[in-house]
Amino acid sequence: MKKSLWVVVGGVVAVLGLLFTLQGTNVIGGSAMSGTTFWAVAGPIIFLIGLALGAVGIRGRRR
């Protein structure tokens, strides 16, 4: 994939991870995910995966 696509995908995954975290900790209410421990734990992991994907895009491949 192109570097910019890695950055965009990583950013989207990171934002979703942040959203899942906020819903899991009941900061954002109104869904079945609100106040659920699973999402409070899975959200930060998904966020870190998104950051890693973005870092891959920024760093690029070394030859």
N, C-alpha and C. Protein backbone atom coordinates (compact mmCIF):
# COMPACT_ATOMS: atom_id res chain seq x y z
N MET A 1 0.84 -1.18 0.00
CA MET A 1 0.00 0.00 0.00
C MET A 1 0.88 1.24 0.00
N LYS A 2 0.33 2.32 -0.48
CA LYS A 2 1.06 3.58 -0.43
C LYS A 2 1.17 4.06 0.99
N LYS A 3 2.20 4.85 1.24
CA LYS A 3 2.43 5.35 2.59
C LYS A 3 1.25 6.15 3.13
N SER A 4 0.69 7.01 2.29
CA SER A 4 -0.41 7.85 2.78
C SER A 4 -1.64 7.02 3.15
N LEU A 5 -1.85 5.92 2.45
CA LEU A 5 -3.00 5.06 2.78
C LEU A 5 -2.80 4.42 4.15
N TRP A 6 -1.57 4.00 4.46
CA TRP A 6 -1.28 3.45 5.80
C TRP A 6 -1.59 4.49 6.88
N VAL A 7 -1.22 5.74 6.62
CA VAL A 7 -1.46 6.79 7.61
C VAL A 7 -2.95 7.02 7.80
N VAL A 8 -3.70 7.06 6.71
CA VAL A 8 -5.15 7.29 6.79
C VAL A 8 -5.84 6.13 7.51
N VAL A 9 -5.50 4.90 7.13
CA VAL A 9 -6.10 3.73 7.78
C VAL A 9 -5.73 3.70 9.26
N GLY A 10 -4.48 3.99 9.57
CA GLY A 10 -4.05 4.03 10.97
C GLY A 10 -4.80 5.09 11.76
N GLY A 11 -5.02 6.25 11.15
CA GLY A 11 -5.77 7.31 11.82
C GLY A 11 -7.21 6.93 12.09
N VAL A 12 -7.84 6.29 11.12
CA VAL A 12 -9.23 5.86 11.30
C VAL A 12 -9.32 4.80 12.40
N VAL A 13 -8.41 3.84 12.38
CA VAL A 13 -8.41 2.79 13.40
C VAL A 13 -8.16 3.39 14.78
N ALA A 14 -7.24 4.36 14.87
CA ALA A 14 -6.95 5.01 16.15
C ALA A 14 -8.17 5.77 16.68
N VAL A 15 -8.85 6.49 15.79
CA VAL A 15 -10.05 7.23 16.22
C VAL A 15 -11.13 6.26 16.69
N LEU A 16 -11.30 5.15 15.98
CA LEU A 16 -12.29 4.15 16.41
C LEU A 16 -11.90 3.56 17.76
N GLY A 17 -10.62 3.29 17.97
CA GLY A 17 -10.17 2.79 19.27
C GLY A 17 -10.46 3.77 20.38
N LEU A 18 -10.25 5.05 20.11
CA LEU A 18 -10.56 6.08 21.11
C LEU A 18 -12.06 6.13 21.39
N LEU A 19 -12.86 6.05 20.33
CA LEU A 19 -14.31 6.04 20.50
C LEU A 19 -14.77 4.83 21.31
N PHE A 20 -14.22 3.65 21.01
CA PHE A 20 -14.58 2.44 21.76
C PHE A 20 -14.20 2.58 23.23
N THR A 21 -13.05 3.18 23.49
CA THR A 21 -12.61 3.38 24.87
C THR A 21 -13.58 4.30 25.62
N LEU A 22 -13.94 5.40 24.98
CA LEU A 22 -14.85 6.35 25.63
C LEU A 22 -16.23 5.74 25.85
N GLN A 23 -16.68 4.91 24.94
CA GLN A 23 -17.96 4.25 25.13
C GLN A 23 -17.86 3.18 26.23
N GLY A 24 -16.77 2.46 26.24
CA GLY A 24 -16.60 1.41 27.25
C GLY A 24 -16.50 1.96 28.66
N THR A 25 -15.93 3.16 28.79
CA THR A 25 -15.82 3.78 30.11
C THR A 25 -17.04 4.65 30.44
N ASN A 26 -18.05 4.59 29.58
CA ASN A 26 -19.33 5.28 29.77
C ASN A 26 -19.22 6.80 29.73
N VAL A 27 -18.17 7.32 29.06
CA VAL A 27 -18.07 8.76 28.84
C VAL A 27 -19.05 9.16 27.74
N ILE A 28 -19.15 8.32 26.72
CA ILE A 28 -20.13 8.52 25.64
C ILE A 28 -21.18 7.43 25.81
N GLY A 29 -22.38 7.84 26.00
CA GLY A 29 -23.46 6.87 26.21
C GLY A 29 -24.33 6.71 24.98
N GLY A 30 -25.33 5.88 25.10
CA GLY A 30 -26.32 5.75 24.06
C GLY A 30 -26.13 4.57 23.13
N SER A 31 -25.28 3.62 23.49
CA SER A 31 -25.15 2.43 22.64
C SER A 31 -25.00 1.20 23.53
N ALA A 32 -25.06 0.04 22.90
CA ALA A 32 -24.89 -1.20 23.65
C ALA A 32 -23.47 -1.36 24.18
N MET A 33 -22.53 -0.59 23.61
CA MET A 33 -21.13 -0.67 24.04
C MET A 33 -20.87 0.17 25.30
N SER A 34 -21.78 1.06 25.63
CA SER A 34 -21.58 1.98 26.75
C SER A 34 -21.52 1.24 28.07
N GLY A 35 -20.47 1.52 28.83
CA GLY A 35 -20.32 0.92 30.15
C GLY A 35 -19.92 -0.53 30.14
N THR A 36 -19.42 -1.04 29.02
CA THR A 36 -19.03 -2.44 28.92
C THR A 36 -17.53 -2.57 29.09
N THR A 37 -17.11 -3.43 30.00
CA THR A 37 -15.69 -3.59 30.32
C THR A 37 -14.89 -4.04 29.10
N PHE A 38 -15.47 -4.90 28.27
CA PHE A 38 -14.75 -5.39 27.10
C PHE A 38 -14.25 -4.24 26.24
N TRP A 39 -15.11 -3.26 25.97
CA TRP A 39 -14.72 -2.15 25.12
C TRP A 39 -13.77 -1.19 25.83
N ALA A 40 -13.86 -1.12 27.14
CA ALA A 40 -12.92 -0.29 27.91
C ALA A 40 -11.51 -0.86 27.83
N VAL A 41 -11.40 -2.18 27.64
CA VAL A 41 -10.09 -2.82 27.53
C VAL A 41 -9.66 -2.92 26.06
N ALA A 42 -10.57 -3.28 25.17
CA ALA A 42 -10.23 -3.46 23.76
C ALA A 42 -9.95 -2.13 23.06
N GLY A 43 -10.61 -1.07 23.49
CA GLY A 43 -10.43 0.24 22.85
C GLY A 43 -8.99 0.73 22.83
N PRO A 44 -8.29 0.74 23.96
CA PRO A 44 -6.89 1.19 23.93
C PRO A 44 -5.99 0.28 23.08
N ILE A 45 -6.29 -1.00 23.04
CA ILE A 45 -5.50 -1.91 22.21
C ILE A 45 -5.71 -1.58 20.73
N ILE A 46 -6.95 -1.33 20.35
CA ILE A 46 -7.25 -0.95 18.97
C ILE A 46 -6.61 0.40 18.65
N PHE A 47 -6.62 1.32 19.60
CA PHE A 47 -5.99 2.62 19.43
C PHE A 47 -4.50 2.47 19.15
N LEU A 48 -3.83 1.61 19.92
CA LEU A 48 -2.39 1.40 19.72
C LEU A 48 -2.09 0.74 18.37
N ILE A 49 -2.96 -0.15 17.93
CA ILE A 49 -2.80 -0.76 16.61
C ILE A 49 -2.91 0.31 15.53
N GLY A 50 -3.84 1.22 15.70
CA GLY A 50 -3.98 2.33 14.75
C GLY A 50 -2.74 3.21 14.71
N LEU A 51 -2.17 3.49 15.88
CA LEU A 51 -0.95 4.28 15.92
C LEU A 51 0.20 3.55 15.23
N ALA A 52 0.27 2.25 15.42
CA ALA A 52 1.33 1.46 14.78
C ALA A 52 1.17 1.47 13.26
N LEU A 53 -0.06 1.34 12.78
CA LEU A 53 -0.29 1.40 11.33
C LEU A 53 0.11 2.76 10.77
N GLY A 54 -0.23 3.82 11.48
CA GLY A 54 0.16 5.15 11.04
C GLY A 54 1.66 5.33 11.04
N ALA A 55 2.33 4.77 12.04
CA ALA A 55 3.79 4.86 12.10
C ALA A 55 4.44 4.12 10.94
N VAL A 56 3.86 3.00 10.56
CA VAL A 56 4.38 2.27 9.39
C VAL A 56 4.28 3.15 8.14
N GLY A 57 3.19 3.85 8.00
CA GLY A 57 3.02 4.73 6.86
C GLY A 57 3.96 5.89 6.86
N ILE A 58 4.21 6.46 8.02
CA ILE A 58 5.11 7.60 8.13
C ILE A 58 6.55 7.16 7.91
N ARG A 59 6.90 6.06 8.50
CA ARG A 59 8.28 5.57 8.42
C ARG A 59 8.63 5.05 7.05
N GLY A 60 7.71 4.31 6.44
CA GLY A 60 7.97 3.74 5.13
C GLY A 60 8.88 2.53 5.20
N ARG A 61 9.17 1.99 4.04
CA ARG A 61 10.05 0.82 3.98
C ARG A 61 11.49 1.24 3.79
N ARG A 62 12.36 0.55 4.47
CA ARG A 62 13.79 0.77 4.27
C ARG A 62 14.32 -0.28 3.34
N ARG A 63 15.18 0.12 2.44
CA ARG A 63 15.74 -0.83 1.49
C ARG A 63 17.20 -1.03 1.73
